């Protein structure tokens, strides 16, 4: 039974989550993770995934999660909505 291809946003969100978890588990370094996120995904999409998984990421490795969030903030990705 063919269920079709996954939606692009689901694939993208899975990649964002996998990239963040790889960093939190020390499988990837901060530079690689940051570049992978901001070059492959819209900043709003990264923000949504961060917000949806905030507690889970913090529970895995809080200080590494805060480090990644700080790095992403310099790339225009923050956990709060930007006023335009």
PDB file of N, CA and C in Angstrom:
ATOM      1  N   UNK A   1       0.839  -1.179   0.000  1.00  0.00           N
ATOM      2  CA  UNK A   1       0.000   0.000   0.000  1.00  0.00           C
ATOM      3  C   UNK A   1       0.886   1.245   0.000  1.00  0.00           C
ATOM      4  N   UNK A   2       0.716   2.086  -0.985  1.00  0.00           N
ATOM      5  CA  UNK A   2       1.544   3.276  -1.125  1.00  0.00           C
ATOM      6  C   UNK A   2       0.904   4.442  -0.389  1.00  0.00           C
ATOM      7  N   UNK A   3       1.558   4.927   0.628  1.00  0.00           N
ATOM      8  CA  UNK A   3       1.044   6.051   1.413  1.00  0.00           C
ATOM      9  C   UNK A   3       1.557   7.378   0.881  1.00  0.00           C
ATOM     10  N   UNK A   4       2.379   7.336  -0.145  1.00  0.00           N
ATOM     11  CA  UNK A   4       2.919   8.561  -0.719  1.00  0.00           C
ATOM     12  C   UNK A   4       4.166   9.023   0.008  1.00  0.00           C
ATOM     13  N   UNK A   5       4.729  10.067  -0.526  1.00  0.00           N
ATOM     14  CA  UNK A   5       5.943  10.632   0.063  1.00  0.00           C
ATOM     15  C   UNK A   5       5.598  11.490   1.275  1.00  0.00           C
ATOM     16  N   UNK A   6       6.520  11.590   2.216  1.00  0.00           N
ATOM     17  CA  UNK A   6       6.272  12.474   3.367  1.00  0.00           C
ATOM     18  C   UNK A   6       6.240  13.930   2.913  1.00  0.00           C
ATOM     19  N   UNK A   7       5.551  14.733   3.663  1.00  0.00           N
ATOM     20  CA  UNK A   7       5.487  16.161   3.346  1.00  0.00           C
ATOM     21  C   UNK A   7       6.863  16.780   3.570  1.00  0.00           C
ATOM     22  N   UNK A   8       7.244  17.738   2.721  1.00  0.00           N
ATOM     23  CA  UNK A   8       8.574  18.368   2.866  1.00  0.00           C
ATOM     24  C   UNK A   8       8.796  18.988   4.243  1.00  0.00           C
ATOM     25  N   UNK A   9       7.768  19.605   4.823  1.00  0.00           N
ATOM     26  CA  UNK A   9       7.957  20.219   6.138  1.00  0.00           C
ATOM     27  C   UNK A   9       8.220  19.175   7.228  1.00  0.00           C
ATOM     28  N   UNK A  10       7.652  17.971   7.074  1.00  0.00           N
ATOM     29  CA  UNK A  10       7.924  16.901   8.039  1.00  0.00           C
ATOM     30  C   UNK A  10       9.368  16.427   7.930  1.00  0.00           C
ATOM     31  N   UNK A  11       9.856  16.287   6.708  1.00  0.00           N
ATOM     32  CA  UNK A  11      11.252  15.879   6.488  1.00  0.00           C
ATOM     33  C   UNK A  11      12.185  16.948   7.050  1.00  0.00           C
ATOM     34  N   UNK A  12      11.857  18.197   6.779  1.00  0.00           N
ATOM     35  CA  UNK A  12      12.682  19.305   7.255  1.00  0.00           C
ATOM     36  C   UNK A  12      12.718  19.340   8.781  1.00  0.00           C
ATOM     37  N   UNK A  13      11.560  19.227   9.411  1.00  0.00           N
ATOM     38  CA  UNK A  13      11.517  19.248  10.880  1.00  0.00           C
ATOM     39  C   UNK A  13      12.263  18.061  11.470  1.00  0.00           C
ATOM     40  N   UNK A  14      12.181  16.919  10.820  1.00  0.00           N
ATOM     41  CA  UNK A  14      12.932  15.755  11.299  1.00  0.00           C
ATOM     42  C   UNK A  14      14.435  16.027  11.216  1.00  0.00           C
ATOM     43  N   UNK A  15      14.883  16.660  10.127  1.00  0.00           N
ATOM     44  CA  UNK A  15      16.302  16.964   9.977  1.00  0.00           C
ATOM     45  C   UNK A  15      16.754  17.970  11.031  1.00  0.00           C
ATOM     46  N   UNK A  16      15.947  18.994  11.284  1.00  0.00           N
ATOM     47  CA  UNK A  16      16.289  19.978  12.321  1.00  0.00           C
ATOM     48  C   UNK A  16      16.435  19.279  13.665  1.00  0.00           C
ATOM     49  N   UNK A  17      15.444  18.449  14.005  1.00  0.00           N
ATOM     50  CA  UNK A  17      15.477  17.733  15.282  1.00  0.00           C
ATOM     51  C   UNK A  17      16.692  16.812  15.359  1.00  0.00           C
ATOM     52  N   UNK A  18      16.963  16.070  14.296  1.00  0.00           N
ATOM     53  CA  UNK A  18      18.107  15.153  14.292  1.00  0.00           C
ATOM     54  C   UNK A  18      19.427  15.916  14.426  1.00  0.00           C
ATOM     55  N   UNK A  19      19.520  17.073  13.791  1.00  0.00           N
ATOM     56  CA  UNK A  19      20.738  17.889  13.880  1.00  0.00           C
ATOM     57  C   UNK A  19      20.947  18.385  15.307  1.00  0.00           C
ATOM     58  N   UNK A  20      19.885  18.883  15.922  1.00  0.00           N
ATOM     59  CA  UNK A  20      19.980  19.381  17.300  1.00  0.00           C
ATOM     60  C   UNK A  20      20.319  18.242  18.259  1.00  0.00           C
ATOM     61  N   UNK A  21      19.646  17.105  18.108  1.00  0.00           N
ATOM     62  CA  UNK A  21      19.917  15.981  18.996  1.00  0.00           C
ATOM     63  C   UNK A  21      21.345  15.466  18.813  1.00  0.00           C
ATOM     64  N   UNK A  22      21.842  15.453  17.588  1.00  0.00           N
ATOM     65  CA  UNK A  22      23.235  15.041  17.344  1.00  0.00           C
ATOM     66  C   UNK A  22      24.213  15.935  18.076  1.00  0.00           C
ATOM     67  N   UNK A  23      23.927  17.236  18.092  1.00  0.00           N
ATOM     68  CA  UNK A  23      24.781  18.167  18.822  1.00  0.00           C
ATOM     69  C   UNK A  23      24.673  17.933  20.326  1.00  0.00           C
ATOM     70  N   UNK A  24      23.449  17.789  20.823  1.00  0.00           N
ATOM     71  CA  UNK A  24      23.257  17.606  22.265  1.00  0.00           C
ATOM     72  C   UNK A  24      23.906  16.318  22.771  1.00  0.00           C
ATOM     73  N   UNK A  25      23.945  15.303  21.936  1.00  0.00           N
ATOM     74  CA  UNK A  25      24.544  14.019  22.315  1.00  0.00           C
ATOM     75  C   UNK A  25      26.035  13.956  21.974  1.00  0.00           C
ATOM     76  N   UNK A  26      26.604  15.106  21.566  1.00  0.00           N
ATOM     77  CA  UNK A  26      28.024  15.223  21.240  1.00  0.00           C
ATOM     78  C   UNK A  26      28.454  14.392  20.037  1.00  0.00           C
ATOM     79  N   UNK A  27      27.513  14.113  19.139  1.00  0.00           N
ATOM     80  CA  UNK A  27      27.848  13.402  17.905  1.00  0.00           C
ATOM     81  C   UNK A  27      28.365  14.371  16.847  1.00  0.00           C
ATOM     82  N   UNK A  28      27.979  15.643  16.930  1.00  0.00           N
ATOM     83  CA  UNK A  28      28.412  16.684  15.992  1.00  0.00           C
ATOM     84  C   UNK A  28      28.864  17.895  16.790  1.00  0.00           C
ATOM     85  N   UNK A  29      29.764  18.684  16.201  1.00  0.00           N
ATOM     86  CA  UNK A  29      30.222  19.868  16.922  1.00  0.00           C
ATOM     87  C   UNK A  29      29.295  21.054  16.653  1.00  0.00           C
ATOM     88  N   UNK A  30      29.513  22.124  17.383  1.00  0.00           N
ATOM     89  CA  UNK A  30      28.644  23.301  17.328  1.00  0.00           C
ATOM     90  C   UNK A  30      28.704  23.982  15.968  1.00  0.00           C
ATOM     91  N   UNK A  31      29.896  24.111  15.405  1.00  0.00           N
ATOM     92  CA  UNK A  31      30.025  24.777  14.106  1.00  0.00           C
ATOM     93  C   UNK A  31      29.253  24.034  13.026  1.00  0.00           C
ATOM     94  N   UNK A  32      29.449  22.721  12.945  1.00  0.00           N
ATOM     95  CA  UNK A  32      28.756  21.915  11.936  1.00  0.00           C
ATOM     96  C   UNK A  32      27.247  22.017  12.126  1.00  0.00           C
ATOM     97  N   UNK A  33      26.774  21.904  13.360  1.00  0.00           N
ATOM     98  CA  UNK A  33      25.338  21.940  13.644  1.00  0.00           C
ATOM     99  C   UNK A  33      24.720  23.276  13.251  1.00  0.00           C
ATOM    100  N   UNK A  34      25.381  24.347  13.606  1.00  0.00           N
ATOM    101  CA  UNK A  34      24.895  25.692  13.293  1.00  0.00           C
ATOM    102  C   UNK A  34      24.794  25.883  11.782  1.00  0.00           C
ATOM    103  N   UNK A  35      25.839  25.550  11.062  1.00  0.00           N
ATOM    104  CA  UNK A  35      25.849  25.720   9.605  1.00  0.00           C
ATOM    105  C   UNK A  35      24.789  24.834   8.956  1.00  0.00           C
ATOM    106  N   UNK A  36      24.684  23.607   9.414  1.00  0.00           N
ATOM    107  CA  UNK A  36      23.700  22.692   8.858  1.00  0.00           C
ATOM    108  C   UNK A  36      22.283  23.225   9.021  1.00  0.00           C
ATOM    109  N   UNK A  37      21.996  23.785  10.171  1.00  0.00           N
ATOM    110  CA  UNK A  37      20.656  24.313  10.420  1.00  0.00           C
ATOM    111  C   UNK A  37      20.355  25.538   9.570  1.00  0.00           C
ATOM    112  N   UNK A  38      21.209  26.547   9.629  1.00  0.00           N
ATOM    113  CA  UNK A  38      20.874  27.830   8.992  1.00  0.00           C
ATOM    114  C   UNK A  38      21.034  27.821   7.469  1.00  0.00           C
ATOM    115  N   UNK A  39      21.803  26.896   6.928  1.00  0.00           N
ATOM    116  CA  UNK A  39      21.926  26.862   5.469  1.00  0.00           C
ATOM    117  C   UNK A  39      20.842  26.006   4.816  1.00  0.00           C
ATOM    118  N   UNK A  40      20.228  25.104   5.565  1.00  0.00           N
ATOM    119  CA  UNK A  40      19.247  24.190   4.973  1.00  0.00           C
ATOM    120  C   UNK A  40      17.797  24.514   5.320  1.00  0.00           C
ATOM    121  N   UNK A  41      17.572  25.383   6.304  1.00  0.00           N
ATOM    122  CA  UNK A  41      16.211  25.585   6.783  1.00  0.00           C
ATOM    123  C   UNK A  41      15.884  27.056   7.004  1.00  0.00           C
ATOM    124  N   UNK A  42      14.626  27.430   6.755  1.00  0.00           N
ATOM    125  CA  UNK A  42      14.202  28.802   7.094  1.00  0.00           C
ATOM    126  C   UNK A  42      14.290  29.017   8.603  1.00  0.00           C
ATOM    127  N   UNK A  43      14.657  30.201   8.990  1.00  0.00           N
ATOM    128  CA  UNK A  43      14.835  30.494  10.410  1.00  0.00           C
ATOM    129  C   UNK A  43      13.547  30.284  11.215  1.00  0.00           C
ATOM    130  N   UNK A  44      12.418  30.629  10.631  1.00  0.00           N
ATOM    131  CA  UNK A  44      11.147  30.439  11.343  1.00  0.00           C
ATOM    132  C   UNK A  44      10.886  28.962  11.618  1.00  0.00           C
ATOM    133  N   UNK A  45      11.236  28.106  10.679  1.00  0.00           N
ATOM    134  CA  UNK A  45      11.042  26.675  10.872  1.00  0.00           C
ATOM    135  C   UNK A  45      11.940  26.149  11.998  1.00  0.00           C
ATOM    136  N   UNK A  46      13.177  26.621  12.049  1.00  0.00           N
ATOM    137  CA  UNK A  46      14.083  26.235  13.137  1.00  0.00           C
ATOM    138  C   UNK A  46      13.499  26.698  14.468  1.00  0.00           C
ATOM    139  N   UNK A  47      13.013  27.939  14.503  1.00  0.00           N
ATOM    140  CA  UNK A  47      12.417  28.491  15.728  1.00  0.00           C
ATOM    141  C   UNK A  47      11.247  27.637  16.208  1.00  0.00           C
ATOM    142  N   UNK A  48      10.382  27.211  15.298  1.00  0.00           N
ATOM    143  CA  UNK A  48       9.215  26.391  15.657  1.00  0.00           C
ATOM    144  C   UNK A  48       9.664  25.077  16.297  1.00  0.00           C
ATOM    145  N   UNK A  49      10.638  24.416  15.672  1.00  0.00           N
ATOM    146  CA  UNK A  49      11.123  23.132  16.210  1.00  0.00           C
ATOM    147  C   UNK A  49      11.769  23.341  17.580  1.00  0.00           C
ATOM    148  N   UNK A  50      12.556  24.389  17.734  1.00  0.00           N
ATOM    149  CA  UNK A  50      13.168  24.679  19.034  1.00  0.00           C
ATOM    150  C   UNK A  50      12.099  24.870  20.105  1.00  0.00           C
ATOM    151  N   UNK A  51      11.083  25.655  19.788  1.00  0.00           N
ATOM    152  CA  UNK A  51      10.036  25.937  20.771  1.00  0.00           C
ATOM    153  C   UNK A  51       9.227  24.688  21.106  1.00  0.00           C
ATOM    154  N   UNK A  52       8.922  23.881  20.088  1.00  0.00           N
ATOM    155  CA  UNK A  52       8.130  22.667  20.316  1.00  0.00           C
ATOM    156  C   UNK A  52       8.862  21.647  21.183  1.00  0.00           C
ATOM    157  N   UNK A  53      10.181  21.651  21.140  1.00  0.00           N
ATOM    158  CA  UNK A  53      10.981  20.632  21.832  1.00  0.00           C
ATOM    159  C   UNK A  53      11.857  21.202  22.931  1.00  0.00           C
ATOM    160  N   UNK A  54      11.561  22.394  23.366  1.00  0.00           N
ATOM    161  CA  UNK A  54      12.379  23.111  24.347  1.00  0.00           C
ATOM    162  C   UNK A  54      12.698  22.267  25.584  1.00  0.00           C
ATOM    163  N   UNK A  55      11.696  21.690  26.192  1.00  0.00           N
ATOM    164  CA  UNK A  55      11.919  20.898  27.415  1.00  0.00           C
ATOM    165  C   UNK A  55      12.724  19.634  27.134  1.00  0.00           C
ATOM    166  N   UNK A  56      12.418  18.972  26.037  1.00  0.00           N
ATOM    167  CA  UNK A  56      13.142  17.728  25.698  1.00  0.00           C
ATOM    168  C   UNK A  56      14.616  18.016  25.448  1.00  0.00           C
ATOM    169  N   UNK A  57      14.912  19.069  24.692  1.00  0.00           N
ATOM    170  CA  UNK A  57      16.308  19.415  24.415  1.00  0.00           C
ATOM    171  C   UNK A  57      17.044  19.790  25.701  1.00  0.00           C
ATOM    172  N   UNK A  58      16.388  20.572  26.541  1.00  0.00           N
ATOM    173  CA  UNK A  58      17.003  20.958  27.807  1.00  0.00           C
ATOM    174  C   UNK A  58      17.269  19.760  28.703  1.00  0.00           C
ATOM    175  N   UNK A  59      16.388  18.778  28.655  1.00  0.00           N
ATOM    176  CA  UNK A  59      16.553  17.574  29.476  1.00  0.00           C
ATOM    177  C   UNK A  59      17.711  16.709  28.979  1.00  0.00           C
ATOM    178  N   UNK A  60      17.982  16.747  27.686  1.00  0.00           N
ATOM    179  CA  UNK A  60      19.073  15.940  27.137  1.00  0.00           C
ATOM    180  C   UNK A  60      20.420  16.526  27.557  1.00  0.00           C
ATOM    181  N   UNK A  61      20.599  17.838  27.354  1.00  0.00           N
ATOM    182  CA  UNK A  61      21.861  18.489  27.751  1.00  0.00           C
ATOM    183  C   UNK A  61      21.634  19.994  27.744  1.00  0.00           C
ATOM    184  N   UNK A  62      21.252  20.513  28.884  1.00  0.00           N
ATOM    185  CA  UNK A  62      20.839  21.913  28.987  1.00  0.00           C
ATOM    186  C   UNK A  62      21.922  22.905  28.569  1.00  0.00           C
ATOM    187  N   UNK A  63      23.144  22.715  29.039  1.00  0.00           N
ATOM    188  CA  UNK A  63      24.179  23.713  28.722  1.00  0.00           C
ATOM    189  C   UNK A  63      24.534  23.698  27.232  1.00  0.00           C
ATOM    190  N   UNK A  64      24.577  22.528  26.613  1.00  0.00           N
ATOM    191  CA  UNK A  64      24.841  22.471  25.162  1.00  0.00           C
ATOM    192  C   UNK A  64      23.676  23.077  24.392  1.00  0.00           C
ATOM    193  N   UNK A  65      22.456  22.851  24.851  1.00  0.00           N
ATOM    194  CA  UNK A  65      21.296  23.443  24.187  1.00  0.00           C
ATOM    195  C   UNK A  65      21.370  24.967  24.260  1.00  0.00           C
ATOM    196  N   UNK A  66      21.699  25.503  25.431  1.00  0.00           N
ATOM    197  CA  UNK A  66      21.832  26.963  25.561  1.00  0.00           C
ATOM    198  C   UNK A  66      22.943  27.497  24.672  1.00  0.00           C
ATOM    199  N   UNK A  67      24.042  26.747  24.533  1.00  0.00           N
ATOM    200  CA  UNK A  67      25.128  27.158  23.644  1.00  0.00           C
ATOM    201  C   UNK A  67      24.646  27.237  22.191  1.00  0.00           C
ATOM    202  N   UNK A  68      23.906  26.226  21.746  1.00  0.00           N
ATOM    203  CA  UNK A  68      23.409  26.227  20.376  1.00  0.00           C
ATOM    204  C   UNK A  68      22.410  27.362  20.149  1.00  0.00           C
ATOM    205  N   UNK A  69      21.525  27.590  21.104  1.00  0.00           N
ATOM    206  CA  UNK A  69      20.552  28.690  20.986  1.00  0.00           C
ATOM    207  C   UNK A  69      21.286  30.030  20.893  1.00  0.00           C
ATOM    208  N   UNK A  70      22.333  30.211  21.689  1.00  0.00           N
ATOM    209  CA  UNK A  70      23.107  31.456  21.643  1.00  0.00           C
ATOM    210  C   UNK A  70      23.771  31.633  20.279  1.00  0.00           C
ATOM    211  N   UNK A  71      24.307  30.566  19.714  1.00  0.00           N
ATOM    212  CA  UNK A  71      24.936  30.639  18.398  1.00  0.00           C
ATOM    213  C   UNK A  71      23.898  30.963  17.324  1.00  0.00           C
ATOM    214  N   UNK A  72      22.729  30.333  17.425  1.00  0.00           N
ATOM    215  CA  UNK A  72      21.681  30.558  16.430  1.00  0.00           C
ATOM    216  C   UNK A  72      21.118  31.975  16.507  1.00  0.00           C
ATOM    217  N   UNK A  73      21.135  32.552  17.699  1.00  0.00           N
ATOM    218  CA  UNK A  73      20.630  33.913  17.852  1.00  0.00           C
ATOM    219  C   UNK A  73      21.421  34.883  16.981  1.00  0.00           C
ATOM    220  N   UNK A  74      22.722  34.670  16.872  1.00  0.00           N
ATOM    221  CA  UNK A  74      23.561  35.519  16.026  1.00  0.00           C
ATOM    222  C   UNK A  74      23.249  35.316  14.540  1.00  0.00           C
ATOM    223  N   UNK A  75      22.581  34.220  14.214  1.00  0.00           N
ATOM    224  CA  UNK A  75      22.186  33.929  12.833  1.00  0.00           C
ATOM    225  C   UNK A  75      20.737  34.351  12.556  1.00  0.00           C
ATOM    226  N   UNK A  76      20.120  35.016  13.531  1.00  0.00           N
ATOM    227  CA  UNK A  76      18.746  35.485  13.343  1.00  0.00           C
ATOM    228  C   UNK A  76      17.679  34.514  13.779  1.00  0.00           C
ATOM    229  N   UNK A  77      18.070  33.504  14.552  1.00  0.00           N
ATOM    230  CA  UNK A  77      17.110  32.531  15.064  1.00  0.00           C
ATOM    231  C   UNK A  77      17.050  32.700  16.578  1.00  0.00           C
ATOM    232  N   UNK A  78      15.914  33.170  17.070  1.00  0.00           N
ATOM    233  CA  UNK A  78      15.770  33.276  18.520  1.00  0.00           C
ATOM    234  C   UNK A  78      14.486  32.570  18.926  1.00  0.00           C
ATOM    235  N   UNK A  79      14.355  32.303  20.208  1.00  0.00           N
ATOM    236  CA  UNK A  79      13.182  31.600  20.684  1.00  0.00           C
ATOM    237  C   UNK A  79      11.955  32.515  20.799  1.00  0.00           C
ATOM    238  N   UNK A  80      12.192  33.810  20.753  1.00  0.00           N
ATOM    239  CA  UNK A  80      11.035  34.706  20.797  1.00  0.00           C
ATOM    240  C   UNK A  80      10.747  35.239  19.407  1.00  0.00           C
ATOM    241  N   UNK A  81       9.490  35.603  19.229  1.00  0.00           N
ATOM    242  CA  UNK A  81       9.061  36.148  17.951  1.00  0.00           C
ATOM    243  C   UNK A  81       9.702  37.510  17.735  1.00  0.00           C
ATOM    244  N   UNK A  82      10.153  37.751  16.535  1.00  0.00           N
ATOM    245  CA  UNK A  82      10.745  39.042  16.201  1.00  0.00           C
ATOM    246  C   UNK A  82       9.652  39.993  15.758  1.00  0.00           C
ATOM    247  N   UNK A  83       9.644  41.178  16.288  1.00  0.00           N
ATOM    248  CA  UNK A  83       8.670  42.185  15.869  1.00  0.00           C
ATOM    249  C   UNK A  83       9.134  42.804  14.549  1.00  0.00           C
ATOM    250  N   UNK A  84       8.210  42.862  13.585  1.00  0.00           N
ATOM    251  CA  UNK A  84       8.578  43.455  12.308  1.00  0.00           C
ATOM    252  C   UNK A  84       7.747  44.671  12.017  1.00  0.00           C
TER     253      UNK A  84
END
